[in-house]
């Protein structure tokens, strides 16, 4: 048994030993976990005990944004070896499923995703993971950056779904971690500039420090006004809705240009109203995002090439022994925090 961060039930975390299935198959690797990021879904399970149909009914190890070092490989693994620094894609699909065969394994109904009930996560000293979903980190990519690949992959998925054209003007509504990741992925994907709209000025200050990003505080300037001024009244080529807020979703038609694209990234807690006629009147193309598929290698390449620097988005690195306090800080949702990471013991 290994000491892990266990969500016992809604609102109760414990650092304790728990029995985990860590048998190594011929196609698996065993990894010593180094760094784990705290995701909004982890926090939601902690505070609410469920996300939609996924309900915490028994103790569950949290965490799914991780990097580490390979310590053992299965007999059929050839592309990884002990000592390799890696990050891990946390969703494990059924390779024989129709979704996987179509290349959209992220929407495979049978996918097993770390820290999604009843699947244990990675806030534990070692994990066993399929080698096919384990990626070697280049020397210039740190463990901390490697643990950021998972949330950045969502931004990458959004940028790919948008089908960005070089020189597009993008708009992101919501400057949370995923909104920031999406803005950076949109820039890397070819946008000439990206406006990011939110009401939390400290978060806008963080993302606004990046070249190519302009910020809009919607407390003082409506997003529709800002994008109109930036595009001579035409609208954004691509709008990424990352807040999940009902007013933002209802206001989407006013933000995009005629024939533009809206990508729905943020997830509302409950169903929200949508202005269908407003979308139709501009013949807007609607895309949706659920996690990611086939983007991890691209994300790592962008980070390694220096095209995307995620380090400024790491707000704090907290020792595993203080991981309960780290989660309590994440629950606070400080305006100055973007990503809190937990450093596992050596």
C-alpha atoms as a PDB file:
ATOM      1  CA  UNK A   1       0.000   0.000   0.000  1.00  0.00           C
ATOM      2  CA  UNK A   2       1.099   3.588  -0.655  1.00  0.00           C
ATOM      3  CA  UNK A   3       0.352   6.855   1.090  1.00  0.00           C
ATOM      4  CA  UNK A   4      -1.961   8.777  -1.245  1.00  0.00           C
ATOM      5  CA  UNK A   5      -4.269  11.787  -1.213  1.00  0.00           C
ATOM      6  CA  UNK A   6      -7.671  10.174  -0.798  1.00  0.00           C
ATOM      7  CA  UNK A   7     -11.054  11.819  -1.148  1.00  0.00           C
ATOM      8  CA  UNK A   8     -12.951   9.864   1.499  1.00  0.00           C
ATOM      9  CA  UNK A   9     -16.265  11.536   0.755  1.00  0.00           C
ATOM     10  CA  UNK A  10     -17.567  14.988  -0.125  1.00  0.00           C
ATOM     11  CA  UNK A  11     -15.559  17.564   1.825  1.00  0.00           C
ATOM     12  CA  UNK A  12     -13.145  15.113   3.448  1.00  0.00           C
ATOM     13  CA  UNK A  13      -9.571  14.486   2.315  1.00  0.00           C
ATOM     14  CA  UNK A  14      -6.981  12.244   3.958  1.00  0.00           C
ATOM     15  CA  UNK A  15      -3.335  11.399   3.454  1.00  0.00           C
ATOM     16  CA  UNK A  16      -3.317   7.693   4.105  1.00  0.00           C
ATOM     17  CA  UNK A  17      -2.349   4.288   2.809  1.00  0.00           C
ATOM     18  CA  UNK A  18      -4.727   2.750   0.304  1.00  0.00           C
ATOM     19  CA  UNK A  19      -4.552  -0.481  -1.669  1.00  0.00           C
ATOM     20  CA  UNK A  20      -4.226   0.156  -5.413  1.00  0.00           C
ATOM     21  CA  UNK A  21      -4.046  -2.257  -8.335  1.00  0.00           C
ATOM     22  CA  UNK A  22      -0.549  -1.690  -9.701  1.00  0.00           C
ATOM     23  CA  UNK A  23       0.124  -4.914 -11.582  1.00  0.00           C
ATOM     24  CA  UNK A  24       2.292  -4.286 -14.650  1.00  0.00           C
ATOM     25  CA  UNK A  25       1.053  -5.711 -17.951  1.00  0.00           C
ATOM     26  CA  UNK A  26       3.374  -6.230 -20.952  1.00  0.00           C
ATOM     27  CA  UNK A  27       2.174  -2.941 -22.481  1.00  0.00           C
ATOM     28  CA  UNK A  28       2.353  -0.827 -19.295  1.00  0.00           C
ATOM     29  CA  UNK A  29       4.994   1.280 -17.611  1.00  0.00           C
ATOM     30  CA  UNK A  30       5.465   1.971 -13.912  1.00  0.00           C
ATOM     31  CA  UNK A  31       6.098   5.627 -13.137  1.00  0.00           C
ATOM     32  CA  UNK A  32       7.372   7.400 -10.032  1.00  0.00           C
ATOM     33  CA  UNK A  33       5.122  10.452  -9.876  1.00  0.00           C
ATOM     34  CA  UNK A  34       6.958  13.770  -9.563  1.00  0.00           C
ATOM     35  CA  UNK A  35       4.492  16.662 -10.035  1.00  0.00           C
ATOM     36  CA  UNK A  36       0.684  16.759 -10.054  1.00  0.00           C
ATOM     37  CA  UNK A  37      -1.485  19.760 -10.881  1.00  0.00           C
ATOM     38  CA  UNK A  38      -4.775  20.461  -9.128  1.00  0.00           C
ATOM     39  CA  UNK A  39      -7.620  20.671 -11.633  1.00  0.00           C
ATOM     40  CA  UNK A  40     -11.024  22.264 -11.226  1.00  0.00           C
ATOM     41  CA  UNK A  41     -12.612  18.835 -11.508  1.00  0.00           C
ATOM     42  CA  UNK A  42     -10.541  17.603  -8.544  1.00  0.00           C
ATOM     43  CA  UNK A  43     -11.777  20.565  -6.531  1.00  0.00           C
ATOM     44  CA  UNK A  44     -15.359  19.976  -7.648  1.00  0.00           C
ATOM     45  CA  UNK A  45     -15.280  16.364  -6.490  1.00  0.00           C
ATOM     46  CA  UNK A  46     -13.855  17.581  -3.173  1.00  0.00           C
ATOM     47  CA  UNK A  47     -16.511  20.236  -2.625  1.00  0.00           C
ATOM     48  CA  UNK A  48     -19.550  18.624  -4.273  1.00  0.00           C
ATOM     49  CA  UNK A  49     -18.816  14.899  -4.318  1.00  0.00           C
ATOM     50  CA  UNK A  50     -19.928  14.542  -7.918  1.00  0.00           C
ATOM     51  CA  UNK A  51     -19.787  15.937 -11.429  1.00  0.00           C
ATOM     52  CA  UNK A  52     -22.914  15.128 -13.407  1.00  0.00           C
ATOM     53  CA  UNK A  53     -23.393  11.339 -13.387  1.00  0.00           C
ATOM     54  CA  UNK A  54     -19.963  10.707 -11.827  1.00  0.00           C
ATOM     55  CA  UNK A  55     -20.532  10.368  -8.094  1.00  0.00           C
ATOM     56  CA  UNK A  56     -17.913   9.635  -5.428  1.00  0.00           C
ATOM     57  CA  UNK A  57     -19.402   6.582  -3.718  1.00  0.00           C
ATOM     58  CA  UNK A  58     -16.192   5.158  -2.255  1.00  0.00           C
ATOM     59  CA  UNK A  59     -12.746   6.561  -1.364  1.00  0.00           C
ATOM     60  CA  UNK A  60     -10.882   7.776  -4.448  1.00  0.00           C
ATOM     61  CA  UNK A  61      -7.321   8.996  -5.029  1.00  0.00           C
ATOM     62  CA  UNK A  62      -7.397  12.427  -6.681  1.00  0.00           C
ATOM     63  CA  UNK A  63      -5.207  13.952  -9.405  1.00  0.00           C
ATOM     64  CA  UNK A  64      -4.859  13.559 -13.169  1.00  0.00           C
ATOM     65  CA  UNK A  65      -2.361  16.210 -14.348  1.00  0.00           C
ATOM     66  CA  UNK A  66       0.973  14.498 -13.840  1.00  0.00           C
ATOM     67  CA  UNK A  67       4.601  14.015 -14.781  1.00  0.00           C
ATOM     68  CA  UNK A  68       7.177  11.574 -13.448  1.00  0.00           C
ATOM     69  CA  UNK A  69       9.988   9.124 -14.182  1.00  0.00           C
ATOM     70  CA  UNK A  70       9.676   5.645 -15.649  1.00  0.00           C
ATOM     71  CA  UNK A  71      10.972   3.037 -13.209  1.00  0.00           C
ATOM     72  CA  UNK A  72       9.858  -0.176 -14.961  1.00  0.00           C
ATOM     73  CA  UNK A  73       8.552  -1.140 -18.389  1.00  0.00           C
ATOM     74  CA  UNK A  74       6.438  -4.033 -19.588  1.00  0.00           C
ATOM     75  CA  UNK A  75       7.931  -6.729 -21.809  1.00  0.00           C
ATOM     76  CA  UNK A  76       6.374  -5.311 -25.007  1.00  0.00           C
ATOM     77  CA  UNK A  77       7.304  -1.651 -24.405  1.00  0.00           C
ATOM     78  CA  UNK A  78      10.055  -0.459 -26.745  1.00  0.00           C
ATOM     79  CA  UNK A  79       9.779   3.352 -26.919  1.00  0.00           C
ATOM     80  CA  UNK A  80      10.310   4.014 -23.196  1.00  0.00           C
ATOM     81  CA  UNK A  81      12.919   2.881 -20.688  1.00  0.00           C
ATOM     82  CA  UNK A  82      13.620   3.280 -16.961  1.00  0.00           C
ATOM     83  CA  UNK A  83      14.883   6.783 -16.235  1.00  0.00           C
ATOM     84  CA  UNK A  84      12.821   8.480 -18.941  1.00  0.00           C
ATOM     85  CA  UNK A  85      11.053  11.629 -17.790  1.00  0.00           C
ATOM     86  CA  UNK A  86       7.437  11.500 -18.926  1.00  0.00           C
ATOM     87  CA  UNK A  87       3.954  12.923 -18.684  1.00  0.00           C
ATOM     88  CA  UNK A  88       0.836  10.833 -18.850  1.00  0.00           C
ATOM     89  CA  UNK A  89      -2.431  11.230 -20.723  1.00  0.00           C
ATOM     90  CA  UNK A  90      -4.975  10.333 -18.023  1.00  0.00           C
ATOM     91  CA  UNK A  91      -7.751   8.900 -20.183  1.00  0.00           C
ATOM     92  CA  UNK A  92      -7.491   5.236 -21.130  1.00  0.00           C
ATOM     93  CA  UNK A  93      -9.948   4.240 -23.872  1.00  0.00           C
ATOM     94  CA  UNK A  94     -10.896   0.826 -25.175  1.00  0.00           C
ATOM     95  CA  UNK A  95      -8.642   0.432 -28.218  1.00  0.00           C
ATOM     96  CA  UNK A  96     -11.265  -1.783 -29.869  1.00  0.00           C
ATOM     97  CA  UNK A  97     -14.130   0.692 -29.439  1.00  0.00           C
ATOM     98  CA  UNK A  98     -15.777   2.403 -32.406  1.00  0.00           C
ATOM     99  CA  UNK A  99     -14.755   5.806 -30.999  1.00  0.00           C
ATOM    100  CA  UNK A 100     -11.116   4.796 -30.730  1.00  0.00           C
ATOM    101  CA  UNK A 101     -11.113   3.423 -34.263  1.00  0.00           C
ATOM    102  CA  UNK A 102     -12.474   6.755 -35.482  1.00  0.00           C
ATOM    103  CA  UNK A 103      -9.703   8.623 -33.652  1.00  0.00           C
ATOM    104  CA  UNK A 104     -12.109  10.256 -31.207  1.00  0.00           C
ATOM    105  CA  UNK A 105     -11.185   8.162 -28.195  1.00  0.00           C
ATOM    106  CA  UNK A 106     -11.888  11.089 -25.864  1.00  0.00           C
ATOM    107  CA  UNK A 107     -15.615  10.442 -26.325  1.00  0.00           C
ATOM    108  CA  UNK A 108     -15.338   6.674 -25.945  1.00  0.00           C
ATOM    109  CA  UNK A 109     -18.098   5.794 -23.440  1.00  0.00           C
ATOM    110  CA  UNK A 110     -15.789   3.149 -21.975  1.00  0.00           C
ATOM    111  CA  UNK A 111     -12.849   5.498 -21.338  1.00  0.00           C
ATOM    112  CA  UNK A 112     -11.299   5.204 -17.875  1.00  0.00           C
ATOM    113  CA  UNK A 113     -10.072   8.597 -16.719  1.00  0.00           C
ATOM    114  CA  UNK A 114      -7.895   9.178 -13.671  1.00  0.00           C
ATOM    115  CA  UNK A 115      -9.768  10.602 -10.670  1.00  0.00           C
ATOM    116  CA  UNK A 116     -13.172  10.124 -12.257  1.00  0.00           C
ATOM    117  CA  UNK A 117     -15.251   7.763 -10.106  1.00  0.00           C
ATOM    118  CA  UNK A 118     -14.584   4.925  -9.644  1.00  0.00           C
ATOM    119  CA  UNK A 119     -11.078   5.250 -11.168  1.00  0.00           C
ATOM    120  CA  UNK A 120      -8.245   6.270  -8.845  1.00  0.00           C
ATOM    121  CA  UNK A 121      -6.032   9.211  -9.759  1.00  0.00           C
ATOM    122  CA  UNK A 122      -2.291   9.843  -9.549  1.00  0.00           C
ATOM    123  CA  UNK A 123      -1.668  11.651  -6.239  1.00  0.00           C
ATOM    124  CA  UNK A 124       0.217   8.589  -5.075  1.00  0.00           C
ATOM    125  CA  UNK A 125       3.953   7.737  -5.224  1.00  0.00           C
ATOM    126  CA  UNK A 126       3.751   5.399  -8.222  1.00  0.00           C
ATOM    127  CA  UNK A 127       1.261   4.666 -10.979  1.00  0.00           C
ATOM    128  CA  UNK A 128       0.995   1.980 -13.620  1.00  0.00           C
ATOM    129  CA  UNK A 129      -0.119   3.368 -16.980  1.00  0.00           C
ATOM    130  CA  UNK A 130      -0.348   2.201 -20.612  1.00  0.00           C
ATOM    131  CA  UNK A 131       2.854   3.018 -22.458  1.00  0.00           C
ATOM    132  CA  UNK A 132       0.765   4.143 -25.437  1.00  0.00           C
ATOM    133  CA  UNK A 133      -0.508   7.086 -23.380  1.00  0.00           C
ATOM    134  CA  UNK A 134       2.822   7.924 -21.760  1.00  0.00           C
ATOM    135  CA  UNK A 135       5.010  10.564 -23.440  1.00  0.00           C
ATOM    136  CA  UNK A 136       8.718  11.200 -22.996  1.00  0.00           C
ATOM    137  CA  UNK A 137       9.592  14.772 -22.049  1.00  0.00           C
ATOM    138  CA  UNK A 138      12.399  16.503 -23.944  1.00  0.00           C
ATOM    139  CA  UNK A 139      15.299  17.637 -21.778  1.00  0.00           C
ATOM    140  CA  UNK A 140      14.230  21.281 -21.965  1.00  0.00           C
ATOM    141  CA  UNK A 141      10.736  20.547 -20.600  1.00  0.00           C
ATOM    142  CA  UNK A 142      10.622  20.463 -16.802  1.00  0.00           C
ATOM    143  CA  UNK A 143       8.478  18.167 -14.672  1.00  0.00           C
ATOM    144  CA  UNK A 144       6.353  21.190 -13.769  1.00  0.00           C
ATOM    145  CA  UNK A 145       5.773  21.997 -17.428  1.00  0.00           C
ATOM    146  CA  UNK A 146       5.114  18.325 -18.125  1.00  0.00           C
ATOM    147  CA  UNK A 147       2.290  18.346 -15.600  1.00  0.00           C
ATOM    148  CA  UNK A 148       0.823  21.334 -17.457  1.00  0.00           C
ATOM    149  CA  UNK A 149       0.489  19.390 -20.712  1.00  0.00           C
ATOM    150  CA  UNK A 150      -2.858  17.932 -19.624  1.00  0.00           C
ATOM    151  CA  UNK A 151      -4.706  21.251 -19.205  1.00  0.00           C
ATOM    152  CA  UNK A 152      -2.886  22.721 -22.211  1.00  0.00           C
ATOM    153  CA  UNK A 153      -4.127  19.773 -24.273  1.00  0.00           C
ATOM    154  CA  UNK A 154      -7.677  21.049 -23.766  1.00  0.00           C
ATOM    155  CA  UNK A 155      -6.645  24.389 -25.251  1.00  0.00           C
ATOM    156  CA  UNK A 156      -4.977  22.521 -28.107  1.00  0.00           C
ATOM    157  CA  UNK A 157      -8.158  20.547 -28.738  1.00  0.00           C
ATOM    158  CA  UNK A 158     -10.134  23.796 -28.825  1.00  0.00           C
ATOM    159  CA  UNK A 159      -7.709  25.407 -31.271  1.00  0.00           C
ATOM    160  CA  UNK A 160      -7.847  22.385 -33.565  1.00  0.00           C
ATOM    161  CA  UNK A 161     -11.650  22.267 -33.457  1.00  0.00           C
ATOM    162  CA  UNK A 162     -11.714  25.966 -34.379  1.00  0.00           C
ATOM    163  CA  UNK A 163      -9.832  25.348 -37.659  1.00  0.00           C
ATOM    164  CA  UNK A 164      -7.951  28.604 -37.197  1.00  0.00           C
ATOM    165  CA  UNK A 165      -6.799  30.422 -40.323  1.00  0.00           C
ATOM    166  CA  UNK A 166      -3.479  32.313 -40.151  1.00  0.00           C
ATOM    167  CA  UNK A 167      -4.180  35.867 -39.069  1.00  0.00           C
ATOM    168  CA  UNK A 168      -7.525  35.183 -37.405  1.00  0.00           C
ATOM    169  CA  UNK A 169      -8.655  37.370 -34.529  1.00  0.00           C
ATOM    170  CA  UNK A 170      -9.707  35.270 -31.553  1.00  0.00           C
ATOM    171  CA  UNK A 171     -11.725  36.043 -28.459  1.00  0.00           C
ATOM    172  CA  UNK A 172     -11.718  33.960 -25.278  1.00  0.00           C
ATOM    173  CA  UNK A 173     -14.456  34.468 -22.715  1.00  0.00           C
ATOM    174  CA  UNK A 174     -13.226  33.380 -19.294  1.00  0.00           C
ATOM    175  CA  UNK A 175      -9.679  33.790 -17.942  1.00  0.00           C
ATOM    176  CA  UNK A 176      -9.544  30.688 -15.802  1.00  0.00           C
ATOM    177  CA  UNK A 177      -6.777  28.135 -16.352  1.00  0.00           C
ATOM    178  CA  UNK A 178      -8.477  26.602 -19.381  1.00  0.00           C
ATOM    179  CA  UNK A 179      -9.275  29.999 -20.873  1.00  0.00           C
ATOM    180  CA  UNK A 180      -5.613  30.960 -20.570  1.00  0.00           C
ATOM    181  CA  UNK A 181      -4.479  27.670 -22.082  1.00  0.00           C
ATOM    182  CA  UNK A 182      -6.927  28.121 -24.945  1.00  0.00           C
ATOM    183  CA  UNK A 183      -5.724  31.657 -25.647  1.00  0.00           C
ATOM    184  CA  UNK A 184      -2.104  30.488 -25.840  1.00  0.00           C
ATOM    185  CA  UNK A 185      -3.032  27.528 -28.032  1.00  0.00           C
ATOM    186  CA  UNK A 186      -4.986  29.834 -30.352  1.00  0.00           C
ATOM    187  CA  UNK A 187      -1.953  32.075 -30.739  1.00  0.00           C
ATOM    188  CA  UNK A 188       0.268  29.083 -31.420  1.00  0.00           C
ATOM    189  CA  UNK A 189      -2.332  27.851 -33.902  1.00  0.00           C
ATOM    190  CA  UNK A 190      -2.121  30.964 -36.052  1.00  0.00           C
ATOM    191  CA  UNK A 191      -4.250  33.721 -34.534  1.00  0.00           C
ATOM    192  CA  UNK A 192      -2.758  37.176 -35.070  1.00  0.00           C
ATOM    193  CA  UNK A 193      -4.033  38.207 -31.657  1.00  0.00           C
ATOM    194  CA  UNK A 194      -6.422  36.962 -29.015  1.00  0.00           C
ATOM    195  CA  UNK A 195      -8.606  39.042 -26.726  1.00  0.00           C
ATOM    196  CA  UNK A 196      -9.352  37.510 -23.324  1.00  0.00           C
ATOM    197  CA  UNK A 197     -12.432  38.756 -21.462  1.00  0.00           C
ATOM    198  CA  UNK A 198     -13.094  38.263 -17.758  1.00  0.00           C
ATOM    199  CA  UNK A 199     -14.058  40.237 -14.660  1.00  0.00           C
ATOM    200  CA  UNK A 200     -11.070  39.226 -12.494  1.00  0.00           C
ATOM    201  CA  UNK A 201      -8.354  41.800 -13.177  1.00  0.00           C
ATOM    202  CA  UNK A 202      -5.533  39.832 -11.495  1.00  0.00           C
ATOM    203  CA  UNK A 203      -6.110  36.931 -13.884  1.00  0.00           C
ATOM    204  CA  UNK A 204      -6.267  39.316 -16.843  1.00  0.00           C
ATOM    205  CA  UNK A 205      -2.955  40.806 -15.717  1.00  0.00           C
ATOM    206  CA  UNK A 206      -1.349  37.350 -15.780  1.00  0.00           C
ATOM    207  CA  UNK A 207      -2.515  36.349 -19.257  1.00  0.00           C
ATOM    208  CA  UNK A 208      -2.138  39.896 -20.573  1.00  0.00           C
ATOM    209  CA  UNK A 209       1.611  39.741 -19.985  1.00  0.00           C
ATOM    210  CA  UNK A 210       1.928  37.404 -22.979  1.00  0.00           C
ATOM    211  CA  UNK A 211       2.688  38.990 -26.368  1.00  0.00           C
ATOM    212  CA  UNK A 212      -0.311  38.798 -28.693  1.00  0.00           C
ATOM    213  CA  UNK A 213      -2.858  38.785 -25.872  1.00  0.00           C
ATOM    214  CA  UNK A 214      -5.136  41.734 -25.201  1.00  0.00           C
ATOM    215  CA  UNK A 215      -7.440  41.776 -22.182  1.00  0.00           C
ATOM    216  CA  UNK A 216     -10.948  43.041 -21.556  1.00  0.00           C
ATOM    217  CA  UNK A 217     -12.355  43.596 -18.088  1.00  0.00           C
ATOM    218  CA  UNK A 218     -16.072  43.099 -18.607  1.00  0.00           C
ATOM    219  CA  UNK A 219     -16.819  45.028 -15.427  1.00  0.00           C
ATOM    220  CA  UNK A 220     -16.025  48.170 -17.387  1.00  0.00           C
ATOM    221  CA  UNK A 221     -16.185  47.188 -21.070  1.00  0.00           C
ATOM    222  CA  UNK A 222     -18.623  44.632 -22.510  1.00  0.00           C
ATOM    223  CA  UNK A 223     -16.889  41.947 -24.535  1.00  0.00           C
ATOM    224  CA  UNK A 224     -19.066  42.754 -27.565  1.00  0.00           C
ATOM    225  CA  UNK A 225     -17.939  46.388 -27.468  1.00  0.00           C
ATOM    226  CA  UNK A 226     -14.275  45.432 -27.145  1.00  0.00           C
ATOM    227  CA  UNK A 227     -14.295  43.019 -30.068  1.00  0.00           C
ATOM    228  CA  UNK A 228     -16.250  45.465 -32.207  1.00  0.00           C
ATOM    229  CA  UNK A 229     -13.645  48.152 -31.559  1.00  0.00           C
ATOM    230  CA  UNK A 230     -10.824  45.710 -32.313  1.00  0.00           C
ATOM    231  CA  UNK A 231     -12.334  44.564 -35.625  1.00  0.00           C
ATOM    232  CA  UNK A 232     -14.067  47.692 -36.961  1.00  0.00           C
ATOM    233  CA  UNK A 233     -17.429  46.216 -36.038  1.00  0.00           C
ATOM    234  CA  UNK A 234     -16.871  42.927 -37.883  1.00  0.00           C
ATOM    235  CA  UNK A 235     -16.473  40.529 -34.937  1.00  0.00           C
ATOM    236  CA  UNK A 236     -14.036  37.805 -33.954  1.00  0.00           C
ATOM    237  CA  UNK A 237     -13.163  35.103 -36.442  1.00  0.00           C
ATOM    238  CA  UNK A 238     -13.186  32.573 -33.623  1.00  0.00           C
ATOM    239  CA  UNK A 239     -14.825  32.831 -30.201  1.00  0.00           C
ATOM    240  CA  UNK A 240     -13.790  30.368 -27.500  1.00  0.00           C
ATOM    241  CA  UNK A 241     -16.331  30.232 -24.672  1.00  0.00           C
ATOM    242  CA  UNK A 242     -14.370  29.033 -21.656  1.00  0.00           C
ATOM    243  CA  UNK A 243     -16.361  30.389 -18.717  1.00  0.00           C
ATOM    244  CA  UNK A 244     -19.397  28.109 -18.784  1.00  0.00           C
ATOM    245  CA  UNK A 245     -21.393  31.130 -17.591  1.00  0.00           C
ATOM    246  CA  UNK A 246     -24.963  31.402 -18.856  1.00  0.00           C
ATOM    247  CA  UNK A 247     -24.779  35.140 -19.758  1.00  0.00           C
ATOM    248  CA  UNK A 248     -21.603  34.578 -21.777  1.00  0.00           C
ATOM    249  CA  UNK A 249     -23.175  31.714 -23.720  1.00  0.00           C
ATOM    250  CA  UNK A 250     -26.340  33.694 -24.411  1.00  0.00           C
ATOM    251  CA  UNK A 251     -24.238  36.603 -25.698  1.00  0.00           C
ATOM    252  CA  UNK A 252     -22.096  34.599 -28.128  1.00  0.00           C
ATOM    253  CA  UNK A 253     -23.819  35.738 -31.373  1.00  0.00           C
ATOM    254  CA  UNK A 254     -22.794  39.342 -30.693  1.00  0.00           C
ATOM    255  CA  UNK A 255     -19.113  38.419 -30.502  1.00  0.00           C
ATOM    256  CA  UNK A 256     -18.437  36.469 -33.694  1.00  0.00           C
ATOM    257  CA  UNK A 257     -18.222  37.765 -37.246  1.00  0.00           C
ATOM    258  CA  UNK A 258     -20.685  36.552 -39.887  1.00  0.00           C
ATOM    259  CA  UNK A 259     -19.646  33.056 -40.903  1.00  0.00           C
ATOM    260  CA  UNK A 260     -17.330  32.814 -37.901  1.00  0.00           C
ATOM    261  CA  UNK A 261     -16.825  30.015 -35.429  1.00  0.00           C
ATOM    262  CA  UNK A 262     -17.841  29.492 -31.815  1.00  0.00           C
ATOM    263  CA  UNK A 263     -16.051  26.808 -29.790  1.00  0.00           C
ATOM    264  CA  UNK A 264     -17.773  25.713 -26.577  1.00  0.00           C
ATOM    265  CA  UNK A 265     -15.068  24.769 -24.082  1.00  0.00           C
ATOM    266  CA  UNK A 266     -16.427  25.715 -20.646  1.00  0.00           C
ATOM    267  CA  UNK A 267     -18.994  23.403 -19.067  1.00  0.00           C
ATOM    268  CA  UNK A 268     -22.052  24.950 -17.402  1.00  0.00           C
ATOM    269  CA  UNK A 269     -23.146  23.255 -14.197  1.00  0.00           C
ATOM    270  CA  UNK A 270     -26.776  23.235 -15.420  1.00  0.00           C
ATOM    271  CA  UNK A 271     -28.425  23.599 -18.833  1.00  0.00           C
ATOM    272  CA  UNK A 272     -28.317  27.183 -20.103  1.00  0.00           C
ATOM    273  CA  UNK A 273     -30.310  29.194 -22.676  1.00  0.00           C
ATOM    274  CA  UNK A 274     -28.833  29.632 -26.153  1.00  0.00           C
ATOM    275  CA  UNK A 275     -29.752  32.263 -28.768  1.00  0.00           C
ATOM    276  CA  UNK A 276     -30.276  29.898 -31.696  1.00  0.00           C
ATOM    277  CA  UNK A 277     -31.626  32.573 -34.045  1.00  0.00           C
ATOM    278  CA  UNK A 278     -28.693  34.850 -33.249  1.00  0.00           C
ATOM    279  CA  UNK A 279     -26.332  32.035 -34.204  1.00  0.00           C
ATOM    280  CA  UNK A 280     -28.313  31.235 -37.355  1.00  0.00           C
ATOM    281  CA  UNK A 281     -28.506  34.846 -38.512  1.00  0.00           C
ATOM    282  CA  UNK A 282     -24.709  34.872 -38.856  1.00  0.00           C
ATOM    283  CA  UNK A 283     -24.453  31.230 -39.944  1.00  0.00           C
ATOM    284  CA  UNK A 284     -21.985  30.620 -37.152  1.00  0.00           C
ATOM    285  CA  UNK A 285     -20.264  27.253 -36.987  1.00  0.00           C
ATOM    286  CA  UNK A 286     -20.533  25.675 -33.540  1.00  0.00           C
ATOM    287  CA  UNK A 287     -17.842  23.307 -32.260  1.00  0.00           C
ATOM    288  CA  UNK A 288     -17.674  21.547 -28.909  1.00  0.00           C
ATOM    289  CA  UNK A 289     -14.764  20.252 -26.854  1.00  0.00           C
ATOM    290  CA  UNK A 290     -14.620  17.335 -24.440  1.00  0.00           C
ATOM    291  CA  UNK A 291     -11.119  16.707 -23.110  1.00  0.00           C
ATOM    292  CA  UNK A 292      -8.767  15.975 -26.066  1.00  0.00           C
ATOM    293  CA  UNK A 293      -7.511  13.320 -28.447  1.00  0.00           C
ATOM    294  CA  UNK A 294      -4.252  12.943 -30.364  1.00  0.00           C
ATOM    295  CA  UNK A 295      -2.769  16.256 -29.200  1.00  0.00           C
ATOM    296  CA  UNK A 296      -0.319  15.396 -26.400  1.00  0.00           C
ATOM    297  CA  UNK A 297       2.666  15.031 -28.711  1.00  0.00           C
ATOM    298  CA  UNK A 298       1.841  18.337 -30.409  1.00  0.00           C
ATOM    299  CA  UNK A 299       1.489  20.104 -27.065  1.00  0.00           C
ATOM    300  CA  UNK A 300       4.850  18.796 -25.852  1.00  0.00           C
ATOM    301  CA  UNK A 301       6.508  19.848 -29.115  1.00  0.00           C
ATOM    302  CA  UNK A 302       5.209  23.411 -28.797  1.00  0.00           C
ATOM    303  CA  UNK A 303       6.460  23.677 -25.222  1.00  0.00           C
ATOM    304  CA  UNK A 304       9.844  22.169 -26.101  1.00  0.00           C
ATOM    305  CA  UNK A 305      10.260  24.562 -29.030  1.00  0.00           C
ATOM    306  CA  UNK A 306       9.627  27.563 -26.798  1.00  0.00           C
ATOM    307  CA  UNK A 307       6.493  28.504 -28.738  1.00  0.00           C
ATOM    308  CA  UNK A 308       4.409  28.281 -25.559  1.00  0.00           C
ATOM    309  CA  UNK A 309       5.685  29.061 -22.060  1.00  0.00           C
ATOM    310  CA  UNK A 310       3.329  27.770 -19.386  1.00  0.00           C
ATOM    311  CA  UNK A 311       5.644  28.411 -16.433  1.00  0.00           C
ATOM    312  CA  UNK A 312       4.148  31.844 -15.589  1.00  0.00           C
ATOM    313  CA  UNK A 313       0.810  30.109 -15.017  1.00  0.00           C
ATOM    314  CA  UNK A 314       2.161  27.972 -12.160  1.00  0.00           C
ATOM    315  CA  UNK A 315       1.134  29.966  -9.090  1.00  0.00           C
ATOM    316  CA  UNK A 316       2.475  27.680  -6.356  1.00  0.00           C
ATOM    317  CA  UNK A 317       4.245  24.357  -5.881  1.00  0.00           C
ATOM    318  CA  UNK A 318       3.318  22.700  -2.586  1.00  0.00           C
ATOM    319  CA  UNK A 319       4.863  19.579  -0.990  1.00  0.00           C
ATOM    320  CA  UNK A 320       2.769  16.416  -0.985  1.00  0.00           C
ATOM    321  CA  UNK A 321       2.748  16.452   2.834  1.00  0.00           C
ATOM    322  CA  UNK A 322       0.743  19.691   2.604  1.00  0.00           C
ATOM    323  CA  UNK A 323      -1.528  18.578  -0.219  1.00  0.00           C
ATOM    324  CA  UNK A 324      -4.726  18.930   1.817  1.00  0.00           C
ATOM    325  CA  UNK A 325      -3.810  22.568   2.439  1.00  0.00           C
ATOM    326  CA  UNK A 326      -3.094  22.889  -1.291  1.00  0.00           C
ATOM    327  CA  UNK A 327      -6.599  21.698  -2.097  1.00  0.00           C
ATOM    328  CA  UNK A 328      -8.104  24.047   0.472  1.00  0.00           C
ATOM    329  CA  UNK A 329      -6.246  26.904  -1.220  1.00  0.00           C
ATOM    330  CA  UNK A 330      -7.588  25.768  -4.586  1.00  0.00           C
ATOM    331  CA  UNK A 331     -11.103  25.844  -3.143  1.00  0.00           C
ATOM    332  CA  UNK A 332     -10.536  29.523  -2.237  1.00  0.00           C
ATOM    333  CA  UNK A 333     -10.157  30.258  -5.969  1.00  0.00           C
ATOM    334  CA  UNK A 334      -7.912  33.259  -5.415  1.00  0.00           C
ATOM    335  CA  UNK A 335      -7.893  35.718  -8.293  1.00  0.00           C
ATOM    336  CA  UNK A 336      -4.095  35.577  -8.317  1.00  0.00           C
ATOM    337  CA  UNK A 337      -3.938  31.770  -8.634  1.00  0.00           C
ATOM    338  CA  UNK A 338      -3.944  29.973 -11.968  1.00  0.00           C
ATOM    339  CA  UNK A 339      -2.430  26.534 -11.415  1.00  0.00           C
ATOM    340  CA  UNK A 340      -1.397  25.020  -8.089  1.00  0.00           C
ATOM    341  CA  UNK A 341       0.869  21.991  -8.309  1.00  0.00           C
ATOM    342  CA  UNK A 342       1.831  19.344  -5.767  1.00  0.00           C
ATOM    343  CA  UNK A 343       5.392  18.042  -5.644  1.00  0.00           C
ATOM    344  CA  UNK A 344       5.629  14.382  -4.698  1.00  0.00           C
ATOM    345  CA  UNK A 345       8.402  13.237  -2.344  1.00  0.00           C
ATOM    346  CA  UNK A 346      11.542  11.757  -3.901  1.00  0.00           C
END
